[in-house]
Protein backbone atom coordinates (compact mmCIF):
# COMPACT_ATOMS: atom_id res chain seq x y z
CA UNK A 1 -12.73 -39.53 7.39
CA UNK A 2 -9.68 -37.77 6.19
CA UNK A 3 -11.48 -37.42 2.53
CA UNK A 4 -14.46 -35.92 4.22
CA UNK A 5 -12.36 -33.39 6.20
CA UNK A 6 -10.38 -32.63 3.65
CA UNK A 7 -13.63 -32.03 1.16
CA UNK A 8 -15.74 -30.01 4.03
CA UNK A 9 -12.27 -27.72 4.86
CA UNK A 10 -11.72 -27.31 1.24
CA UNK A 11 -15.63 -26.20 0.75
CA UNK A 12 -15.82 -24.04 3.44
CA UNK A 13 -12.44 -22.19 2.60
CA UNK A 14 -14.14 -21.55 -0.52
CA UNK A 15 -17.27 -20.32 0.77
CA UNK A 16 -15.39 -18.03 3.11
CA UNK A 17 -13.01 -16.35 0.34
CA UNK A 18 -16.33 -15.87 -1.96
CA UNK A 19 -18.02 -13.98 0.91
CA UNK A 20 -14.94 -11.48 0.78
CA UNK A 21 -13.57 -12.68 4.28
CA UNK A 22 -10.13 -11.70 5.01
CA UNK A 23 -7.48 -14.58 4.59
CA UNK A 24 -6.65 -14.52 8.68
CA UNK A 25 -10.20 -14.62 9.43
CA UNK A 26 -11.14 -17.21 7.20
CA UNK A 27 -8.15 -19.51 8.16
CA UNK A 28 -9.02 -19.08 11.99
CA UNK A 29 -12.79 -19.86 11.25
CA UNK A 30 -11.67 -22.73 9.37
CA UNK A 31 -9.58 -24.10 12.10
CA UNK A 32 -12.46 -23.72 14.24
CA UNK A 33 -15.09 -25.06 12.22
CA UNK A 34 -12.98 -28.00 11.65
CA UNK A 35 -12.78 -28.84 15.56
CA UNK A 36 -16.22 -28.41 16.14
CA UNK A 37 -17.29 -30.58 13.40
CA UNK A 38 -14.68 -33.50 13.73
CA UNK A 39 -13.22 -33.54 17.46
CA UNK A 40 -14.90 -34.01 20.41
CA UNK A 41 -12.47 -32.07 22.22
CA UNK A 42 -12.77 -28.51 23.16
CA UNK A 43 -9.65 -27.71 21.32
CA UNK A 44 -11.34 -23.98 20.84
CA UNK A 45 -11.06 -23.13 24.14
CA UNK A 46 -7.41 -23.46 23.91
CA UNK A 47 -7.18 -20.90 20.80
CA UNK A 48 -5.60 -17.99 22.62
CA UNK A 49 -2.61 -20.25 23.75
CA UNK A 50 -2.00 -21.54 20.28
CA UNK A 51 -2.09 -18.07 18.72
CA UNK A 52 0.36 -16.62 21.37
CA UNK A 53 3.35 -18.86 20.04
CA UNK A 54 3.79 -17.29 16.56
CA UNK A 55 3.05 -13.76 17.93
CA UNK A 56 5.69 -13.40 20.04
CA UNK A 57 8.47 -15.90 18.12
CA UNK A 58 11.44 -14.46 17.52
CA UNK A 59 11.85 -15.12 14.17
CA UNK A 60 8.97 -13.03 12.75
CA UNK A 61 10.65 -9.94 14.41
CA UNK A 62 12.81 -10.08 10.92
CA UNK A 63 9.76 -9.15 9.18
CA UNK A 64 8.96 -5.83 10.26
CA UNK A 65 12.72 -5.00 9.92
CA UNK A 66 13.30 -6.58 6.43
CA UNK A 67 10.19 -4.46 5.31
CA UNK A 68 11.60 -1.26 6.87
CA UNK A 69 14.83 -1.94 5.53
CA UNK A 70 13.44 -1.95 2.03
CA UNK A 71 11.26 1.12 2.73
CA UNK A 72 14.01 3.43 3.87
CA UNK A 73 16.15 2.18 0.87
CA UNK A 74 13.52 3.17 -1.37
CA UNK A 75 12.82 6.74 0.26
CA UNK A 76 16.63 7.42 0.65
CA UNK A 77 16.32 7.81 -3.68
CA UNK A 78 19.24 5.14 -3.62
CA UNK A 79 17.08 2.71 -5.77
CA UNK A 80 16.88 5.40 -8.95
CA UNK A 81 20.61 5.84 -8.90
CA UNK A 82 20.82 2.04 -8.71
CA UNK A 83 18.96 1.25 -11.78
CA UNK A 84 20.57 4.10 -13.74
CA UNK A 85 24.16 2.80 -12.78
CA UNK A 86 23.36 -0.55 -13.82
CA UNK A 87 21.95 0.59 -16.97
CA UNK A 88 25.27 1.99 -17.91
CA UNK A 89 26.85 -1.55 -17.08
CA UNK A 90 24.31 -3.51 -18.90
CA UNK A 91 22.63 -2.01 -21.75
CA UNK A 92 25.22 -2.96 -24.35
CA UNK A 93 23.82 -6.62 -24.18
CA UNK A 94 21.07 -7.79 -26.37
CA UNK A 95 18.46 -6.77 -24.91
CA UNK A 96 19.22 -3.43 -23.51
CA UNK A 97 17.96 -1.71 -21.00
CA UNK A 98 15.53 -5.04 -20.03
CA UNK A 99 18.75 -6.42 -18.39
CA UNK A 100 18.68 -3.78 -16.02
CA UNK A 101 15.35 -4.65 -15.14
CA UNK A 102 16.23 -7.84 -13.97
CA UNK A 103 19.64 -7.02 -12.67
CA UNK A 104 18.11 -4.15 -10.55
CA UNK A 105 15.17 -6.46 -9.28
CA UNK A 106 17.93 -8.88 -8.04
CA UNK A 107 19.84 -6.12 -6.27
CA UNK A 108 16.76 -4.75 -4.28
CA UNK A 109 15.34 -8.19 -3.84
CA UNK A 110 18.40 -8.63 -1.59
CA UNK A 111 17.55 -6.07 1.00
CA UNK A 112 13.37 -5.90 0.60
CA UNK A 113 12.26 -9.38 1.19
CA UNK A 114 9.20 -8.58 -0.56
CA UNK A 115 8.14 -9.05 -4.42
CA UNK A 116 5.53 -6.71 -4.48
CA UNK A 117 7.69 -3.77 -3.06
CA UNK A 118 10.76 -4.99 -5.75
CA UNK A 119 8.12 -4.58 -8.46
CA UNK A 120 6.41 -1.23 -7.61
CA UNK A 121 9.89 0.06 -6.79
CA UNK A 122 11.72 -0.84 -9.80
CA UNK A 123 8.46 -0.80 -12.17
CA UNK A 124 8.19 2.97 -11.36
CA UNK A 125 11.99 3.59 -11.91
CA UNK A 126 12.26 1.69 -14.99
CA UNK A 127 9.08 2.04 -17.26
CA UNK A 128 9.70 5.92 -18.14
CA UNK A 129 13.06 4.61 -19.73
CA UNK A 130 11.27 2.29 -22.37
CA UNK A 131 8.81 5.23 -23.66
CA UNK A 132 11.25 5.20 -26.62
CA UNK A 133 9.98 3.27 -29.87
CA UNK A 134 11.71 -0.18 -30.33
CA UNK A 135 11.16 -2.29 -27.31
CA UNK A 136 8.68 -5.12 -27.33
CA UNK A 137 6.26 -3.65 -24.53
CA UNK A 138 4.78 -7.18 -23.39
CA UNK A 139 8.43 -8.59 -22.86
CA UNK A 140 9.30 -5.33 -21.13
CA UNK A 141 6.54 -5.65 -19.19
CA UNK A 142 7.04 -9.44 -18.07
CA UNK A 143 10.39 -8.76 -17.15
CA UNK A 144 9.31 -6.27 -14.78
CA UNK A 145 6.74 -8.55 -13.11
CA UNK A 146 8.93 -11.57 -13.12
CA UNK A 147 11.90 -10.08 -12.17
CA UNK A 148 9.74 -8.43 -9.03
CA UNK A 149 9.17 -11.99 -8.02
CA UNK A 150 12.94 -12.33 -7.11
CA UNK A 151 12.42 -10.43 -4.03
CA UNK A 152 10.75 -13.77 -2.77
CA UNK A 153 13.63 -15.75 -3.19
CA UNK A 154 16.69 -13.61 -3.10
CA UNK A 155 17.30 -13.45 0.86
CA UNK A 156 16.23 -11.56 2.79
CA UNK A 157 12.63 -13.24 2.03
CA UNK A 158 9.67 -13.02 3.81
CA UNK A 159 8.48 -16.02 2.05
CA UNK A 160 11.17 -18.32 3.51
CA UNK A 161 10.94 -16.54 6.99
CA UNK A 162 7.27 -17.32 6.89
CA UNK A 163 8.18 -21.39 5.96
CA UNK A 164 10.69 -21.58 8.42
CA UNK A 165 8.38 -20.58 10.94
CA UNK A 166 5.47 -23.08 10.01
CA UNK A 167 7.83 -25.80 9.25
CA UNK A 168 10.45 -25.24 12.28
CA UNK A 169 13.44 -25.15 9.88
CA UNK A 170 16.67 -23.21 10.22
CA UNK A 171 16.06 -19.32 8.57
CA UNK A 172 19.75 -18.98 8.43
CA UNK A 173 19.96 -22.13 6.03
CA UNK A 174 17.22 -21.46 4.05
CA UNK A 175 18.11 -17.87 3.59
CA UNK A 176 21.81 -18.84 2.32
CA UNK A 177 20.35 -22.07 0.49
CA UNK A 178 18.12 -19.31 -1.54
CA UNK A 179 21.12 -17.51 -3.01
CA UNK A 180 22.27 -19.82 -5.82
CA UNK A 181 18.76 -20.66 -7.15
CA UNK A 182 17.88 -16.86 -7.15
CA UNK A 183 20.98 -15.78 -8.85
CA UNK A 184 20.58 -18.54 -11.37
CA UNK A 185 16.97 -17.71 -11.93
CA UNK A 186 18.14 -14.05 -12.40
CA UNK A 187 20.50 -15.63 -15.00
CA UNK A 188 18.28 -17.47 -16.70
CA UNK A 189 16.04 -14.34 -17.18
CA UNK A 190 18.98 -12.36 -18.61
CA UNK A 191 20.08 -15.25 -20.97
CA UNK A 192 16.32 -15.56 -22.37
CA UNK A 193 16.20 -12.02 -22.96
CA UNK A 194 19.72 -11.95 -24.36
CA UNK A 195 19.32 -15.12 -26.76
CA UNK A 196 15.81 -13.63 -27.71
CA UNK A 197 17.19 -10.22 -28.65
CA UNK A 198 19.46 -12.16 -30.95
CA UNK A 199 17.27 -14.56 -32.38
CA UNK A 200 14.86 -11.76 -33.04
CA UNK A 201 16.52 -8.15 -33.29
CA UNK A 202 13.03 -6.26 -33.53
CA UNK A 203 12.09 -6.70 -29.95
CA UNK A 204 14.57 -4.42 -29.00
CA UNK A 205 17.06 -1.66 -29.98
CA UNK A 206 20.39 -1.68 -29.75
CA UNK A 207 21.69 0.98 -27.11
CA UNK A 208 24.21 3.10 -27.56
CA UNK A 209 27.30 1.38 -24.96
CA UNK A 210 28.22 3.67 -22.22
CA UNK A 211 31.71 4.86 -22.11
CA UNK A 212 34.18 3.48 -19.61
CA UNK A 213 34.52 6.52 -17.98
CA UNK A 214 30.51 6.94 -17.38
CA UNK A 215 30.55 3.38 -15.89
CA UNK A 216 33.21 3.83 -13.62
CA UNK A 217 31.71 7.22 -12.45
CA UNK A 218 28.48 5.38 -11.88
CA UNK A 219 30.32 2.88 -9.39
CA UNK A 220 29.61 4.88 -6.26
CA UNK A 221 26.12 4.26 -7.06
CA UNK A 222 25.88 0.93 -6.82
CA UNK A 223 28.35 0.78 -3.49
CA UNK A 224 25.64 2.06 -0.96
CA UNK A 225 23.00 -1.07 -2.07
CA UNK A 226 26.20 -3.49 -2.61
CA UNK A 227 27.61 -2.56 1.09
CA UNK A 228 24.17 -3.15 2.73
CA UNK A 229 23.59 -6.67 1.19
CA UNK A 230 27.30 -7.52 2.51
CA UNK A 231 26.18 -6.36 5.93
CA UNK A 232 22.66 -8.24 6.06
CA UNK A 233 23.94 -11.73 4.18
CA UNK A 234 27.75 -11.53 4.99
CA UNK A 235 26.57 -11.26 8.70
CA UNK A 236 24.30 -14.36 8.60
CA UNK A 237 26.94 -16.58 6.32
CA UNK A 238 30.04 -15.94 8.56
CA UNK A 239 27.93 -16.49 11.67
CA UNK A 240 28.26 -12.89 13.34
CA UNK A 241 24.32 -12.56 13.46
CA UNK A 242 21.43 -14.29 13.29
CA UNK A 243 18.69 -13.65 10.31
CA UNK A 244 16.77 -11.29 13.03
CA UNK A 245 19.61 -9.89 14.31
CA UNK A 246 21.11 -9.19 10.58
CA UNK A 247 17.62 -7.65 9.99
CA UNK A 248 18.25 -5.15 12.74
CA UNK A 249 21.91 -4.00 11.42
CA UNK A 250 20.36 -3.60 8.07
CA UNK A 251 17.77 -1.08 9.12
CA UNK A 252 20.67 0.73 11.29
CA UNK A 253 22.80 0.47 7.64
CA UNK A 254 19.67 1.81 5.57
CA UNK A 255 19.18 4.55 8.16
CA UNK A 256 22.58 5.74 7.70
CA UNK A 257 22.68 5.57 4.01
CA UNK A 258 19.59 7.72 4.48
CA UNK A 259 21.49 10.29 6.41
CA UNK A 260 24.53 9.95 4.00
CA UNK A 261 22.35 10.92 0.99
CA UNK A 262 20.74 13.69 3.22
CA UNK A 263 17.20 12.01 2.50
CA UNK A 264 16.09 11.30 6.13
CA UNK A 265 13.43 13.50 7.54
CA UNK A 266 10.68 12.91 10.30
CA UNK A 267 8.03 12.16 7.17
CA UNK A 268 10.21 10.16 5.58
CA UNK A 269 10.63 7.80 8.71
CA UNK A 270 6.52 7.99 9.29
CA UNK A 271 6.03 7.06 5.88
CA UNK A 272 8.18 4.08 6.06
CA UNK A 273 6.84 3.07 9.44
CA UNK A 274 3.30 3.48 8.09
CA UNK A 275 3.99 1.18 5.05
CA UNK A 276 5.75 -1.03 7.55
CA UNK A 277 2.91 -1.55 9.77
CA UNK A 278 0.53 -2.23 7.22
CA UNK A 279 2.32 -4.87 5.64
CA UNK A 280 3.71 -6.45 9.16
CA UNK A 281 0.00 -6.27 10.28
CA UNK A 282 -1.26 -7.98 7.07
CA UNK A 283 1.33 -10.81 7.50
CA UNK A 284 0.88 -11.29 11.42
CA UNK A 285 -2.75 -11.72 10.96
CA UNK A 286 -2.43 -14.58 8.65
CA UNK A 287 0.48 -16.30 10.15
CA UNK A 288 -1.30 -16.05 13.84
CA UNK A 289 -4.73 -17.84 12.45
CA UNK A 290 -2.88 -19.93 9.92
CA UNK A 291 -1.19 -21.25 13.49
CA UNK A 292 -4.57 -22.01 14.60
CA UNK A 293 -5.42 -23.78 11.54
CA UNK A 294 -2.62 -25.86 11.57
CA UNK A 295 -2.96 -27.15 15.00
CA UNK A 296 -6.44 -28.54 14.30
CA UNK A 297 -5.79 -30.15 11.26
CA UNK A 298 -2.50 -31.92 12.98
CA UNK A 299 -4.66 -32.86 15.87
CA UNK A 300 -7.21 -34.40 13.31
CA UNK A 301 -4.43 -36.54 11.91
CA UNK A 302 -5.17 -35.46 8.71
CA UNK A 303 -1.38 -35.11 7.52
CA UNK A 304 -0.66 -38.27 9.01
CA UNK A 305 -3.51 -39.98 7.12
CA UNK A 306 -2.05 -38.51 3.51
CA UNK A 307 1.47 -39.73 4.40
CA UNK A 308 0.14 -43.49 5.10
CA UNK A 309 -2.19 -43.32 2.33
CA UNK A 310 1.06 -42.40 -0.24
CA UNK A 311 3.14 -44.90 1.26
CA UNK A 312 0.39 -47.34 0.78
CA UNK A 313 -0.28 -46.59 -2.87
CA UNK A 314 3.59 -47.33 -3.19
CA UNK A 315 3.76 -44.42 -5.55
CA UNK A 316 7.60 -43.31 -6.79
CA UNK A 317 8.59 -40.44 -4.42
CA UNK A 318 9.21 -38.33 -7.53
CA UNK A 319 5.34 -38.62 -8.44
CA UNK A 320 4.48 -37.48 -5.21
CA UNK A 321 6.34 -34.33 -5.40
CA UNK A 322 5.18 -33.96 -9.13
CA UNK A 323 1.48 -34.06 -7.87
CA UNK A 324 2.45 -31.43 -4.75
CA UNK A 325 4.20 -29.29 -7.75
CA UNK A 326 1.15 -29.40 -9.77
CA UNK A 327 -1.21 -29.08 -6.94
CA UNK A 328 1.06 -25.75 -6.31
CA UNK A 329 0.87 -24.43 -9.72
CA UNK A 330 -3.00 -24.69 -10.19
CA UNK A 331 -3.71 -23.15 -6.37
CA UNK A 332 -1.36 -20.20 -7.44
CA UNK A 333 -3.84 -19.42 -9.99
CA UNK A 334 -6.74 -18.80 -7.74
CA UNK A 335 -4.98 -17.84 -4.62
CA UNK A 336 -2.21 -14.81 -3.35
CA UNK A 337 1.26 -16.90 -2.86
CA UNK A 338 1.38 -16.00 0.93
CA UNK A 339 -2.01 -17.40 1.89
CA UNK A 340 -1.51 -20.56 -0.47
CA UNK A 341 1.36 -21.76 1.13
CA UNK A 342 0.39 -20.81 4.49
CA UNK A 343 -3.02 -22.56 4.46
CA UNK A 344 -1.35 -25.59 2.65
CA UNK A 345 1.94 -26.12 4.56
CA UNK A 346 0.25 -27.56 7.63
CA UNK A 347 -0.71 -30.43 5.45
CA UNK A 348 1.34 -30.93 2.88
CA UNK A 349 4.82 -30.80 5.24
CA UNK A 350 4.49 -33.24 7.44
CA UNK A 351 3.89 -35.39 4.15
CA UNK A 352 7.07 -34.22 2.98
CA UNK A 353 8.94 -35.12 6.34
CA UNK A 354 7.34 -38.44 6.21
CA UNK A 355 8.70 -39.26 2.27
CA UNK A 356 12.15 -37.70 3.51
CA UNK A 357 12.46 -40.05 5.93
CA UNK A 358 10.92 -43.19 4.03
CA UNK A 359 13.23 -41.56 0.69
CA UNK A 360 16.52 -40.20 2.29
CA UNK A 361 18.53 -40.23 -0.73
CA UNK A 362 15.81 -37.88 -2.34
CA UNK A 363 17.33 -34.53 -1.35
CA UNK A 364 14.35 -32.83 -3.00
CA UNK A 365 12.32 -33.26 0.30
CA UNK A 366 15.01 -32.02 2.35
CA UNK A 367 13.32 -29.20 4.22
CA UNK A 368 15.78 -26.47 2.70
CA UNK A 369 15.59 -28.08 -0.38
CA UNK A 370 12.11 -28.22 -0.40
CA UNK A 371 11.74 -24.76 0.98
CA UNK A 372 13.37 -23.06 -1.87
CA UNK A 373 11.12 -25.11 -4.32
CA UNK A 374 8.02 -23.97 -2.28
CA UNK A 375 9.20 -20.13 -2.84
CA UNK A 376 9.77 -20.45 -6.67
CA UNK A 377 6.20 -21.88 -6.63
CA UNK A 378 4.92 -19.02 -4.61
CA UNK A 379 6.98 -16.63 -7.54
CA UNK A 380 5.30 -18.98 -10.10
CA UNK A 381 1.80 -17.59 -8.27
CA UNK A 382 2.46 -14.02 -8.22
CA UNK A 383 2.65 -14.13 -12.09
CA UNK A 384 0.07 -16.84 -12.81
CA UNK A 385 -3.36 -14.89 -13.88
CA UNK A 386 -6.20 -14.54 -12.67
CA UNK A 387 -4.82 -13.54 -9.21
CA UNK A 388 -1.24 -13.20 -9.99
CA UNK A 389 -0.02 -9.99 -7.64
CA UNK A 390 2.70 -8.72 -9.36
CA UNK A 391 0.49 -8.80 -12.98
CA UNK A 392 -1.91 -5.91 -11.27
CA UNK A 393 1.04 -3.95 -9.76
CA UNK A 394 2.56 -3.64 -13.30
CA UNK A 395 -0.41 -3.23 -15.17
CA UNK A 396 -1.04 -0.28 -12.46
CA UNK A 397 1.91 1.43 -13.07
CA UNK A 398 2.51 1.22 -17.12
CA UNK A 399 2.78 4.11 -18.94
CA UNK A 400 1.01 3.41 -21.84
CA UNK A 401 -2.50 2.17 -21.96
CA UNK A 402 -3.00 -1.11 -22.89
CA UNK A 403 -4.69 -4.38 -21.64
CA UNK A 404 -3.72 -6.61 -18.87
CA UNK A 405 -3.31 -9.24 -21.59
CA UNK A 406 0.02 -7.60 -22.38
CA UNK A 407 1.34 -8.21 -19.15
CA UNK A 408 0.36 -11.84 -18.70
CA UNK A 409 1.82 -12.88 -22.13
CA UNK A 410 4.53 -10.66 -21.33
CA UNK A 411 5.55 -13.43 -18.33
CA UNK A 412 5.01 -16.84 -20.05
CA UNK A 413 8.49 -17.06 -20.92
CA UNK A 414 9.75 -15.91 -17.81
CA UNK A 415 7.13 -18.67 -16.26
CA UNK A 416 8.40 -21.28 -18.41
CA UNK A 417 11.92 -20.28 -16.85
CA UNK A 418 10.85 -21.13 -13.23
CA UNK A 419 9.21 -24.41 -13.91
CA UNK A 420 12.98 -25.30 -15.67
CA UNK A 421 14.72 -24.28 -12.42
CA UNK A 422 12.16 -26.09 -10.39
CA UNK A 423 13.11 -29.44 -12.14
CA UNK A 424 17.13 -28.47 -11.90
CA UNK A 425 16.73 -28.07 -8.44
CA UNK A 426 14.94 -31.55 -7.92
CA UNK A 427 17.70 -33.31 -10.08
CA UNK A 428 20.50 -31.28 -8.52
CA UNK A 429 19.38 -30.09 -5.07
CA UNK A 430 23.23 -29.56 -4.15
CA UNK A 431 22.36 -25.97 -5.77
CA UNK A 432 20.49 -25.50 -2.63
CA UNK A 433 22.25 -27.24 -0.07
CA UNK A 434 25.91 -26.46 -1.16
CA UNK A 435 26.33 -22.98 0.79
CA UNK A 436 24.21 -23.73 3.92
CA UNK A 437 26.59 -26.97 3.98
CA UNK A 438 29.40 -24.80 3.65
CA UNK A 439 28.58 -22.15 6.21
CA UNK A 440 26.83 -24.23 9.01
CA UNK A 441 28.08 -27.61 8.14
CA UNK A 442 27.06 -30.65 6.04
CA UNK A 443 24.19 -32.58 7.69
CA UNK A 444 23.75 -29.91 10.36
CA UNK A 445 19.99 -28.41 10.91
CA UNK A 446 21.85 -25.47 12.58
CA UNK A 447 20.70 -23.51 15.32
CA UNK A 448 16.97 -22.87 15.28
CA UNK A 449 16.24 -20.03 13.26
CA UNK A 450 20.05 -18.96 13.35
C-alpha cells in the first residue's frame, strides 16, 4: 500500500511540474489527490483549517522581516562599501579578490537569509572587479555561485525557518546551530582558493597589498553591517529576543543605517517593500500548501510505515542517513532547493525522528543537527545543474560572454567542500550542537520557535 501511495505521489508530482504548474499549486493538488484516491475520510472538507495554521504562525512572521532587512541594506549602498573594505583586508592572500567574494557573501548572508539575494548582491558588486586579466574566470564564477549559497546556512536563514515550521523545531537552536558550520564552510571555501592559488599561481594574479592606513580607513565601512549582525544574532543568543523579534530589530536597524547613509527615500522603501512582498508571497504559498500535503501524507500513515520498514530491515542507522543524503543530492538536481525540502520533509523527518528514538547515540539524527545537514544539502541543490538557481543567477549577471558550463564547472570544487562538511557534521555533530547547548542549555529543546 505504501509503495503504491509513494509511486502515485511521485508520478502525479512529475505530471504537475511538467505541466508548468506552480510548485505551491502542485503540492496542494497532490495532497487532495492522495486523499481522494487512498482515504475514505473527507479530509478535503477541512483543507481551510489545515492551511490556516501555517499562515498565521508566529515563526513565519520572521520571513518578510529578514527579507526586508536585506533589501534595505542592499538599497542603502552599504554592500558596495562592505565589499571594497573587505577587499582591502583580504586581497593580499593567495587568491586575491576571490577571498573577498566568500567573505562578503558570508557577511551579507548574516543579514539576508536568502541565497539568491546574496548571490545577486555580491555578484553584481564583485564581477566588475575581475574584468582585469589574470583570474581564472570559472573559479571566480564558481566562488560567487557557491558563496551565495551561504545565505541559507549562516543565520538568519529562511531555509532554517521553514525547516523549523515543518518539523516543529526551535528556530533559536537552529539559528545558533548554523553559525559554526556556516563559518566553517566559508573557511573551507577560502582555504581551497588559497591552496589552489599557491599550487597553481596562474589562476589568480598577486594583488598589491593595501597599506595599513588604507585598511584602517576602510574599517568604518564594516561597522554598519557588523553592528546589524550583532544586533540580530546577539539578541537571540543572549535571550533578549526570539528570532522573529530579532528580525523586527534588524529592520529597525537597517532603516537607521539607511537614514545615516542618506539613502532612505520613498522610492527606496517602495522598491524594498515590493521585492519583500514578492519573495514572501512565493514562500508563504508553498508553505501553506505544503502543510496540506504534509497532513494528507501523515493521515495515510506513510512516514510511520517507512520507519517501521527501515527498522525491520535492520539497516545500520548511518546507512539510512546515507540513503537520505544521496536522495537529496539527486533530487536537488531536478527541483529548486526550497520546494525540494518542503515536499520531502513531511515524509523524511518522521523517519529521522524514529531513527533517533531507536539510536539516541547518533546525534546526526538530532532535529537541530539534521536541520543544518538538510540546509547544507539545500545549498548543494542551488549549485547542481540543471536546476541550480545560483548557477543561472551568476550566469545572468556575468560581465563577459561565455557558456553556462563555465559556472557549472567552477562550482564543482565548492560542491565537494559542502559534501566534506556534511561528512564532518555527521562524524562530529557537536559542531552544530555546541553553541545551542551553550545558549539554551544542554539537552533542552528550548521555547518553541525561541
